[in-house]
Amino acid sequence: MAETRTCLVTGASAGIGAAIATEYAARGWDLALTARREEPMVELATDLKKQFGTTSHIFSLDLFEAEATNDLMARIEKKGIRIDGLVNNAGYGHPGRFMESDWQDHANFLQLMLRAPCELCHAVLPSMKDNRFGRIINVASLAGHIPGSRGHTLYAGVKSFLIKFSQSLHLEVAEYGVHVSALCPGFTYSEFHDVNGTRDGVSKLPDFMWMDADECAEQGVEACERNRAVFIPGRVNKSIAVAARVLPDRLAMGLMAKNSEKIRKG
């Protein structure tokens, strides 16, 4: 009988996180789910148990807290759970221009979006290397491939970091049977734009710009299985990333300056 593996998914209460958790459950994995909101995770776990027989361990947690990742790993270890997969998905977009927010707001953003993913990778990799198996998906963004926008000042920079970080880890741990992949979705149907206050703007974008969270999750998990260091789901998103690479910087920046208000609140 094949051994059941367990995947830790952050930001698992909704959107891409819940979709990726569902994809792993469909592939026979058990889950460790973490987010601030417990009730949606309980509902997801109940549904996945009915559909796939999945065992889900639920950890309500606020990754804004500096010791959150240490606390999470201690709780996981206490339960005797071995983490074979990690999906760093928890995230949000902080609206407005850089100097319109207190530094603490930016520090919280960096804690959740940059420090926590790195800490979790550092925590789970020793076991993965010892077992010569592991899967890590860092949910980055198409924003990491294009020029930064006016407003949401740290977002593109953090997502670009996650892409480069994933590429480096990919090279460092491949020999141990550990796959590391940066998943870079574009506009995806989820709560993300409601939370950051950009729903009115992005709702004006044409339908072909959007992707369903389930489709994004399926492609992202499969890309990690194929050991793709960086994966951009969707033809439109791939085309945008290519255009950003080949256009002169001045022209690309000009286009972003012209269109920032359509996609970013700031």
C-alpha atoms as a PDB file:
ATOM      1  CA  MET A   1       0.000   0.000   0.000  1.00  0.00           C
ATOM      2  CA  ALA A   2       1.401   3.363  -1.037  1.00  0.00           C
ATOM      3  CA  GLU A   3       2.281   5.789   1.734  1.00  0.00           C
ATOM      4  CA  THR A   4      -0.022   8.798   2.029  1.00  0.00           C
ATOM      5  CA  ARG A   5       1.782  12.112   1.777  1.00  0.00           C
ATOM      6  CA  THR A   6       0.777  15.381   3.434  1.00  0.00           C
ATOM      7  CA  CYS A   7       0.836  18.844   1.877  1.00  0.00           C
ATOM      8  CA  LEU A   8       0.867  22.030   3.959  1.00  0.00           C
ATOM      9  CA  VAL A   9      -1.120  24.826   2.284  1.00  0.00           C
ATOM     10  CA  THR A  10      -1.113  28.384   3.607  1.00  0.00           C
ATOM     11  CA  GLY A  11      -3.971  30.733   2.805  1.00  0.00           C
ATOM     12  CA  ALA A  12      -6.140  27.652   2.389  1.00  0.00           C
ATOM     13  CA  SER A  13      -9.478  29.229   3.289  1.00  0.00           C
ATOM     14  CA  ALA A  14     -10.398  30.373  -0.233  1.00  0.00           C
ATOM     15  CA  GLY A  15      -9.268  31.087  -3.799  1.00  0.00           C
ATOM     16  CA  ILE A  16      -6.129  29.547  -5.237  1.00  0.00           C
ATOM     17  CA  GLY A  17      -5.095  28.084  -1.876  1.00  0.00           C
ATOM     18  CA  ALA A  18      -8.329  26.121  -1.490  1.00  0.00           C
ATOM     19  CA  ALA A  19      -8.146  25.080  -5.154  1.00  0.00           C
ATOM     20  CA  ILE A  20      -4.582  23.768  -4.800  1.00  0.00           C
ATOM     21  CA  ALA A  21      -5.554  21.917  -1.613  1.00  0.00           C
ATOM     22  CA  THR A  22      -8.409  20.303  -3.548  1.00  0.00           C
ATOM     23  CA  GLU A  23      -6.054  19.342  -6.386  1.00  0.00           C
ATOM     24  CA  TYR A  24      -3.661  17.618  -3.994  1.00  0.00           C
ATOM     25  CA  ALA A  25      -6.565  15.852  -2.287  1.00  0.00           C
ATOM     26  CA  ALA A  26      -7.720  14.591  -5.697  1.00  0.00           C
ATOM     27  CA  ARG A  27      -4.217  13.195  -6.197  1.00  0.00           C
ATOM     28  CA  GLY A  28      -4.434  11.203  -2.953  1.00  0.00           C
ATOM     29  CA  TRP A  29      -2.584  13.497  -0.571  1.00  0.00           C
ATOM     30  CA  ASP A  30      -3.626  14.391   2.969  1.00  0.00           C
ATOM     31  CA  LEU A  31      -3.512  18.045   3.971  1.00  0.00           C
ATOM     32  CA  ALA A  32      -2.383  20.486   6.625  1.00  0.00           C
ATOM     33  CA  LEU A  33      -4.450  23.620   6.105  1.00  0.00           C
ATOM     34  CA  THR A  34      -3.651  26.993   7.624  1.00  0.00           C
ATOM     35  CA  ALA A  35      -5.257  30.424   7.425  1.00  0.00           C
ATOM     36  CA  ARG A  36      -6.692  32.999   9.795  1.00  0.00           C
ATOM     37  CA  ARG A  37     -10.305  31.950   9.161  1.00  0.00           C
ATOM     38  CA  GLU A  38     -11.058  28.511  10.569  1.00  0.00           C
ATOM     39  CA  GLU A  39     -14.648  27.986   9.429  1.00  0.00           C
ATOM     40  CA  PRO A  40     -13.940  27.941   5.659  1.00  0.00           C
ATOM     41  CA  MET A  41     -11.119  25.443   6.236  1.00  0.00           C
ATOM     42  CA  VAL A  42     -13.445  23.178   8.212  1.00  0.00           C
ATOM     43  CA  GLU A  43     -15.969  23.328   5.371  1.00  0.00           C
ATOM     44  CA  LEU A  44     -13.242  22.545   2.823  1.00  0.00           C
ATOM     45  CA  ALA A  45     -11.894  19.664   4.910  1.00  0.00           C
ATOM     46  CA  THR A  46     -15.396  18.184   5.286  1.00  0.00           C
ATOM     47  CA  ASP A  47     -15.991  18.379   1.542  1.00  0.00           C
ATOM     48  CA  LEU A  48     -12.625  16.824   0.688  1.00  0.00           C
ATOM     49  CA  LYS A  49     -13.213  14.015   3.185  1.00  0.00           C
ATOM     50  CA  LYS A  50     -16.484  13.191   1.427  1.00  0.00           C
ATOM     51  CA  GLN A  51     -15.009  13.415  -2.076  1.00  0.00           C
ATOM     52  CA  PHE A  52     -11.615  11.797  -1.653  1.00  0.00           C
ATOM     53  CA  GLY A  53     -11.344  10.408   1.886  1.00  0.00           C
ATOM     54  CA  THR A  54      -8.761  13.097   2.652  1.00  0.00           C
ATOM     55  CA  THR A  55      -7.510  13.629   6.190  1.00  0.00           C
ATOM     56  CA  SER A  56      -7.074  17.366   6.792  1.00  0.00           C
ATOM     57  CA  HIS A  57      -5.316  18.876   9.790  1.00  0.00           C
ATOM     58  CA  ILE A  58      -6.501  22.430  10.437  1.00  0.00           C
ATOM     59  CA  PHE A  59      -4.308  25.119  11.964  1.00  0.00           C
ATOM     60  CA  SER A  60      -5.864  28.537  12.471  1.00  0.00           C
ATOM     61  CA  LEU A  61      -2.945  30.954  12.338  1.00  0.00           C
ATOM     62  CA  ASP A  62      -2.070  34.593  11.676  1.00  0.00           C
ATOM     63  CA  LEU A  63       1.117  34.725   9.617  1.00  0.00           C
ATOM     64  CA  PHE A  64       1.455  38.433  10.387  1.00  0.00           C
ATOM     65  CA  GLU A  65       2.885  37.354  13.745  1.00  0.00           C
ATOM     66  CA  ALA A  66       6.683  37.166  13.837  1.00  0.00           C
ATOM     67  CA  GLU A  67       6.696  33.741  15.555  1.00  0.00           C
ATOM     68  CA  ALA A  68       3.820  32.317  13.508  1.00  0.00           C
ATOM     69  CA  THR A  69       5.878  29.890  11.430  1.00  0.00           C
ATOM     70  CA  ASN A  70       7.730  28.537  14.474  1.00  0.00           C
ATOM     71  CA  ASP A  71       4.394  28.080  16.231  1.00  0.00           C
ATOM     72  CA  LEU A  72       2.905  26.320  13.215  1.00  0.00           C
ATOM     73  CA  MET A  73       5.795  23.902  12.813  1.00  0.00           C
ATOM     74  CA  ALA A  74       5.744  23.117  16.541  1.00  0.00           C
ATOM     75  CA  ARG A  75       2.032  22.279  16.340  1.00  0.00           C
ATOM     76  CA  ILE A  76       2.611  20.123  13.262  1.00  0.00           C
ATOM     77  CA  GLU A  77       5.491  18.280  14.939  1.00  0.00           C
ATOM     78  CA  LYS A  78       3.410  17.717  18.084  1.00  0.00           C
ATOM     79  CA  LYS A  79       0.795  15.956  15.957  1.00  0.00           C
ATOM     80  CA  GLY A  80       3.475  13.790  14.368  1.00  0.00           C
ATOM     81  CA  ILE A  81       2.750  15.017  10.843  1.00  0.00           C
ATOM     82  CA  ARG A  82       5.467  14.763   8.213  1.00  0.00           C
ATOM     83  CA  ILE A  83       5.253  17.503   5.606  1.00  0.00           C
ATOM     84  CA  ASP A  84       5.999  16.196   2.105  1.00  0.00           C
ATOM     85  CA  GLY A  85       4.630  19.196   0.222  1.00  0.00           C
ATOM     86  CA  LEU A  86       4.394  22.924   0.901  1.00  0.00           C
ATOM     87  CA  VAL A  87       2.282  25.530  -0.869  1.00  0.00           C
ATOM     88  CA  ASN A  88       3.142  29.086   0.118  1.00  0.00           C
ATOM     89  CA  ASN A  89      -0.054  30.756  -1.005  1.00  0.00           C
ATOM     90  CA  ALA A  90      -1.123  33.127   1.797  1.00  0.00           C
ATOM     91  CA  GLY A  91      -1.117  36.670   0.507  1.00  0.00           C
ATOM     92  CA  TYR A  92      -2.895  39.908  -0.269  1.00  0.00           C
ATOM     93  CA  GLY A  93      -2.298  43.233  -1.977  1.00  0.00           C
ATOM     94  CA  HIS A  94      -1.757  46.287   0.209  1.00  0.00           C
ATOM     95  CA  PRO A  95      -3.431  49.219  -1.622  1.00  0.00           C
ATOM     96  CA  GLY A  96      -2.191  52.759  -1.996  1.00  0.00           C
ATOM     97  CA  ARG A  97       1.139  54.412  -2.627  1.00  0.00           C
ATOM     98  CA  PHE A  98       4.215  53.704  -0.526  1.00  0.00           C
ATOM     99  CA  MET A  99       4.205  56.857   1.620  1.00  0.00           C
ATOM    100  CA  GLU A 100       0.455  56.751   2.224  1.00  0.00           C
ATOM    101  CA  SER A 101       0.845  53.893   4.723  1.00  0.00           C
ATOM    102  CA  ASP A 102       2.620  53.621   8.042  1.00  0.00           C
ATOM    103  CA  TRP A 103       5.794  51.547   7.991  1.00  0.00           C
ATOM    104  CA  GLN A 104       4.154  48.935  10.227  1.00  0.00           C
ATOM    105  CA  ASP A 105       1.657  48.199   7.441  1.00  0.00           C
ATOM    106  CA  HIS A 106       4.553  47.522   5.076  1.00  0.00           C
ATOM    107  CA  ALA A 107       6.386  45.483   7.723  1.00  0.00           C
ATOM    108  CA  ASN A 108       3.285  43.304   8.148  1.00  0.00           C
ATOM    109  CA  PHE A 109       3.108  42.848   4.384  1.00  0.00           C
ATOM    110  CA  LEU A 110       6.746  41.759   4.182  1.00  0.00           C
ATOM    111  CA  GLN A 111       6.303  39.404   7.140  1.00  0.00           C
ATOM    112  CA  LEU A 112       3.439  37.565   5.470  1.00  0.00           C
ATOM    113  CA  MET A 113       4.506  37.740   1.843  1.00  0.00           C
ATOM    114  CA  LEU A 114       8.281  37.352   2.027  1.00  0.00           C
ATOM    115  CA  ARG A 115       9.595  36.247   5.415  1.00  0.00           C
ATOM    116  CA  ALA A 116       6.989  33.571   6.175  1.00  0.00           C
ATOM    117  CA  PRO A 117       7.410  31.679   2.853  1.00  0.00           C
ATOM    118  CA  CYS A 118      11.189  31.640   3.276  1.00  0.00           C
ATOM    119  CA  GLU A 119      10.919  30.449   6.884  1.00  0.00           C
ATOM    120  CA  LEU A 120       8.520  27.669   5.963  1.00  0.00           C
ATOM    121  CA  CYS A 121      10.755  26.466   3.129  1.00  0.00           C
ATOM    122  CA  HIS A 122      13.694  26.452   5.538  1.00  0.00           C
ATOM    123  CA  ALA A 123      11.650  24.480   8.082  1.00  0.00           C
ATOM    124  CA  VAL A 124      10.396  21.707   5.789  1.00  0.00           C
ATOM    125  CA  LEU A 125      13.391  21.175   3.511  1.00  0.00           C
ATOM    126  CA  PRO A 126      15.599  19.135   5.913  1.00  0.00           C
ATOM    127  CA  SER A 127      12.950  16.391   6.163  1.00  0.00           C
ATOM    128  CA  MET A 128      12.293  16.501   2.426  1.00  0.00           C
ATOM    129  CA  LYS A 129      15.989  16.128   1.668  1.00  0.00           C
ATOM    130  CA  ASP A 130      16.319  13.237   4.135  1.00  0.00           C
ATOM    131  CA  ASN A 131      13.347  11.467   2.544  1.00  0.00           C
ATOM    132  CA  ARG A 132      14.547  12.340  -0.950  1.00  0.00           C
ATOM    133  CA  PHE A 133      11.103  13.585  -1.868  1.00  0.00           C
ATOM    134  CA  GLY A 134       9.359  16.936  -1.652  1.00  0.00           C
ATOM    135  CA  ARG A 135       7.138  19.377  -3.483  1.00  0.00           C
ATOM    136  CA  ILE A 136       7.192  23.143  -2.902  1.00  0.00           C
ATOM    137  CA  ILE A 137       4.992  25.631  -4.734  1.00  0.00           C
ATOM    138  CA  ASN A 138       5.579  29.300  -4.045  1.00  0.00           C
ATOM    139  CA  VAL A 139       2.587  31.210  -5.378  1.00  0.00           C
ATOM    140  CA  ALA A 140       4.124  34.264  -7.022  1.00  0.00           C
ATOM    141  CA  SER A 141       2.365  36.284  -9.706  1.00  0.00           C
ATOM    142  CA  LEU A 142       2.485  37.513 -13.267  1.00  0.00           C
ATOM    143  CA  ALA A 143       3.229  40.844 -11.540  1.00  0.00           C
ATOM    144  CA  GLY A 144       6.703  39.503 -10.823  1.00  0.00           C
ATOM    145  CA  HIS A 145       7.429  39.391 -14.561  1.00  0.00           C
ATOM    146  CA  ILE A 146       6.283  42.893 -15.509  1.00  0.00           C
ATOM    147  CA  PRO A 147       7.247  46.410 -14.395  1.00  0.00           C
ATOM    148  CA  GLY A 148       6.048  47.602 -11.011  1.00  0.00           C
ATOM    149  CA  SER A 149       2.862  49.634 -10.891  1.00  0.00           C
ATOM    150  CA  ARG A 150       1.886  52.891  -9.283  1.00  0.00           C
ATOM    151  CA  GLY A 151       0.309  51.783  -6.009  1.00  0.00           C
ATOM    152  CA  HIS A 152       0.628  48.389  -4.318  1.00  0.00           C
ATOM    153  CA  THR A 153       4.281  49.377  -4.248  1.00  0.00           C
ATOM    154  CA  LEU A 154       5.806  46.281  -2.635  1.00  0.00           C
ATOM    155  CA  TYR A 155       3.664  43.681  -4.407  1.00  0.00           C
ATOM    156  CA  ALA A 156       5.561  43.227  -7.673  1.00  0.00           C
ATOM    157  CA  GLY A 157       8.909  43.365  -5.878  1.00  0.00           C
ATOM    158  CA  VAL A 158       7.939  40.614  -3.448  1.00  0.00           C
ATOM    159  CA  LYS A 159       6.549  38.421  -6.220  1.00  0.00           C
ATOM    160  CA  SER A 160       9.705  38.937  -8.285  1.00  0.00           C
ATOM    161  CA  PHE A 161      11.724  37.885  -5.237  1.00  0.00           C
ATOM    162  CA  LEU A 162       9.653  34.710  -4.856  1.00  0.00           C
ATOM    163  CA  ILE A 163      10.361  33.810  -8.475  1.00  0.00           C
ATOM    164  CA  LYS A 164      14.131  34.210  -8.102  1.00  0.00           C
ATOM    165  CA  PHE A 165      14.083  32.509  -4.700  1.00  0.00           C
ATOM    166  CA  SER A 166      12.220  29.536  -6.180  1.00  0.00           C
ATOM    167  CA  GLN A 167      14.677  29.268  -9.070  1.00  0.00           C
ATOM    168  CA  SER A 168      17.619  29.144  -6.671  1.00  0.00           C
ATOM    169  CA  LEU A 169      15.972  26.557  -4.414  1.00  0.00           C
ATOM    170  CA  HIS A 170      15.002  24.554  -7.492  1.00  0.00           C
ATOM    171  CA  LEU A 171      18.672  24.259  -8.436  1.00  0.00           C
ATOM    172  CA  GLU A 172      19.856  23.575  -4.889  1.00  0.00           C
ATOM    173  CA  VAL A 173      17.517  20.705  -3.980  1.00  0.00           C
ATOM    174  CA  ALA A 174      16.737  18.968  -7.274  1.00  0.00           C
ATOM    175  CA  GLU A 175      19.338  16.269  -6.578  1.00  0.00           C
ATOM    176  CA  TYR A 176      17.356  15.252  -3.470  1.00  0.00           C
ATOM    177  CA  GLY A 177      14.135  14.593  -5.361  1.00  0.00           C
ATOM    178  CA  VAL A 178      12.602  17.863  -4.205  1.00  0.00           C
ATOM    179  CA  HIS A 179      10.708  19.916  -6.790  1.00  0.00           C
ATOM    180  CA  VAL A 180      10.421  23.676  -6.270  1.00  0.00           C
ATOM    181  CA  SER A 181       8.180  25.749  -8.508  1.00  0.00           C
ATOM    182  CA  ALA A 182       7.042  29.369  -8.615  1.00  0.00           C
ATOM    183  CA  LEU A 183       3.443  29.529  -9.810  1.00  0.00           C
ATOM    184  CA  CYS A 184       2.733  32.885 -11.454  1.00  0.00           C
ATOM    185  CA  PRO A 185      -0.990  33.405 -12.052  1.00  0.00           C
ATOM    186  CA  GLY A 186      -2.473  36.508 -13.582  1.00  0.00           C
ATOM    187  CA  PHE A 187      -6.034  37.641 -12.916  1.00  0.00           C
ATOM    188  CA  THR A 188      -7.801  34.742 -11.201  1.00  0.00           C
ATOM    189  CA  TYR A 189     -11.370  34.530  -9.958  1.00  0.00           C
ATOM    190  CA  SER A 190     -11.083  34.671  -6.143  1.00  0.00           C
ATOM    191  CA  GLU A 191     -11.616  36.964  -3.136  1.00  0.00           C
ATOM    192  CA  PHE A 192      -8.231  38.618  -3.694  1.00  0.00           C
ATOM    193  CA  HIS A 193      -9.495  41.723  -5.470  1.00  0.00           C
ATOM    194  CA  ASP A 194     -12.350  42.217  -3.015  1.00  0.00           C
ATOM    195  CA  VAL A 195      -9.937  42.221  -0.085  1.00  0.00           C
ATOM    196  CA  ASN A 196      -7.532  44.760  -1.611  1.00  0.00           C
ATOM    197  CA  GLY A 197     -10.222  47.078  -2.937  1.00  0.00           C
ATOM    198  CA  THR A 198      -9.543  46.706  -6.664  1.00  0.00           C
ATOM    199  CA  ARG A 199     -12.679  44.768  -7.656  1.00  0.00           C
ATOM    200  CA  ASP A 200     -14.318  47.720  -9.447  1.00  0.00           C
ATOM    201  CA  GLY A 201     -11.241  48.341 -11.577  1.00  0.00           C
ATOM    202  CA  VAL A 202     -10.362  44.784 -12.534  1.00  0.00           C
ATOM    203  CA  SER A 203     -13.995  43.909 -13.248  1.00  0.00           C
ATOM    204  CA  LYS A 204     -13.711  46.110 -16.333  1.00  0.00           C
ATOM    205  CA  LEU A 205     -11.040  43.852 -17.803  1.00  0.00           C
ATOM    206  CA  PRO A 206     -12.158  41.533 -20.639  1.00  0.00           C
ATOM    207  CA  ASP A 207     -13.096  37.931 -19.842  1.00  0.00           C
ATOM    208  CA  PHE A 208     -10.105  36.497 -21.736  1.00  0.00           C
ATOM    209  CA  MET A 209      -7.782  38.069 -19.131  1.00  0.00           C
ATOM    210  CA  TRP A 210      -9.229  35.899 -16.367  1.00  0.00           C
ATOM    211  CA  MET A 211      -8.584  32.320 -15.236  1.00  0.00           C
ATOM    212  CA  ASP A 212     -10.562  30.030 -12.979  1.00  0.00           C
ATOM    213  CA  ALA A 213      -8.830  29.147  -9.689  1.00  0.00           C
ATOM    214  CA  ASP A 214      -9.377  25.412 -10.210  1.00  0.00           C
ATOM    215  CA  GLU A 215      -7.744  25.508 -13.641  1.00  0.00           C
ATOM    216  CA  CYS A 216      -4.842  27.531 -12.267  1.00  0.00           C
ATOM    217  CA  ALA A 217      -4.380  25.027  -9.433  1.00  0.00           C
ATOM    218  CA  GLU A 218      -4.465  21.979 -11.692  1.00  0.00           C
ATOM    219  CA  GLN A 219      -1.884  23.435 -14.052  1.00  0.00           C
ATOM    220  CA  GLY A 220       0.296  24.676 -11.192  1.00  0.00           C
ATOM    221  CA  VAL A 221       0.422  21.356  -9.369  1.00  0.00           C
ATOM    222  CA  GLU A 222       1.145  19.507 -12.604  1.00  0.00           C
ATOM    223  CA  ALA A 223       3.946  21.973 -13.393  1.00  0.00           C
ATOM    224  CA  CYS A 224       5.507  21.239 -10.008  1.00  0.00           C
ATOM    225  CA  GLU A 225       5.250  17.509 -10.695  1.00  0.00           C
ATOM    226  CA  ARG A 226       7.128  18.118 -13.957  1.00  0.00           C
ATOM    227  CA  ASN A 227       9.671  20.111 -11.930  1.00  0.00           C
ATOM    228  CA  ARG A 228       9.144  23.407 -13.727  1.00  0.00           C
ATOM    229  CA  ALA A 229      11.066  26.071 -11.805  1.00  0.00           C
ATOM    230  CA  VAL A 230       8.727  28.836 -12.967  1.00  0.00           C
ATOM    231  CA  PHE A 231       5.279  28.337 -14.419  1.00  0.00           C
ATOM    232  CA  ILE A 232       2.875  30.935 -15.823  1.00  0.00           C
ATOM    233  CA  PRO A 233      -0.602  29.464 -16.409  1.00  0.00           C
ATOM    234  CA  GLY A 234      -2.658  30.590 -19.380  1.00  0.00           C
ATOM    235  CA  ARG A 235      -1.743  31.727 -22.897  1.00  0.00           C
ATOM    236  CA  VAL A 236      -2.623  35.367 -22.260  1.00  0.00           C
ATOM    237  CA  ASN A 237      -0.471  35.519 -19.144  1.00  0.00           C
ATOM    238  CA  LYS A 238       2.442  33.872 -20.950  1.00  0.00           C
ATOM    239  CA  SER A 239       2.119  36.388 -23.781  1.00  0.00           C
ATOM    240  CA  ILE A 240       2.140  39.316 -21.366  1.00  0.00           C
ATOM    241  CA  ALA A 241       5.277  38.000 -19.658  1.00  0.00           C
ATOM    242  CA  VAL A 242       7.042  37.552 -22.999  1.00  0.00           C
ATOM    243  CA  ALA A 243       6.053  41.049 -24.108  1.00  0.00           C
ATOM    244  CA  ALA A 244       7.403  42.513 -20.867  1.00  0.00           C
ATOM    245  CA  ARG A 245      10.755  40.806 -21.534  1.00  0.00           C
ATOM    246  CA  VAL A 246      11.150  41.931 -25.124  1.00  0.00           C
ATOM    247  CA  LEU A 247       9.765  45.467 -24.927  1.00  0.00           C
ATOM    248  CA  PRO A 248      12.271  48.228 -24.176  1.00  0.00           C
ATOM    249  CA  ASP A 249      12.135  49.139 -20.469  1.00  0.00           C
ATOM    250  CA  ARG A 250      11.039  52.692 -21.218  1.00  0.00           C
ATOM    251  CA  LEU A 251       8.076  51.516 -23.280  1.00  0.00           C
ATOM    252  CA  ALA A 252       7.073  48.828 -20.776  1.00  0.00           C
ATOM    253  CA  MET A 253       7.222  51.324 -17.922  1.00  0.00           C
ATOM    254  CA  GLY A 254       5.164  53.782 -19.940  1.00  0.00           C
ATOM    255  CA  LEU A 255       2.458  51.202 -20.517  1.00  0.00           C
ATOM    256  CA  MET A 256       2.379  50.372 -16.815  1.00  0.00           C
ATOM    257  CA  ALA A 257       2.181  54.062 -15.877  1.00  0.00           C
ATOM    258  CA  LYS A 258      -0.761  54.484 -18.234  1.00  0.00           C
ATOM    259  CA  ASN A 259      -2.650  51.444 -16.973  1.00  0.00           C
ATOM    260  CA  SER A 260      -1.751  51.305 -13.261  1.00  0.00           C
ATOM    261  CA  GLU A 261      -5.054  52.724 -12.074  1.00  0.00           C
ATOM    262  CA  LYS A 262      -6.974  50.024 -13.935  1.00  0.00           C
ATOM    263  CA  ILE A 263      -5.400  47.211 -11.895  1.00  0.00           C
ATOM    264  CA  ARG A 264      -3.966  48.813  -8.762  1.00  0.00           C
ATOM    265  CA  LYS A 265      -5.589  51.045  -6.161  1.00  0.00           C
ATOM    266  CA  GLY A 266      -3.142  53.901  -5.771  1.00  0.00           C
END
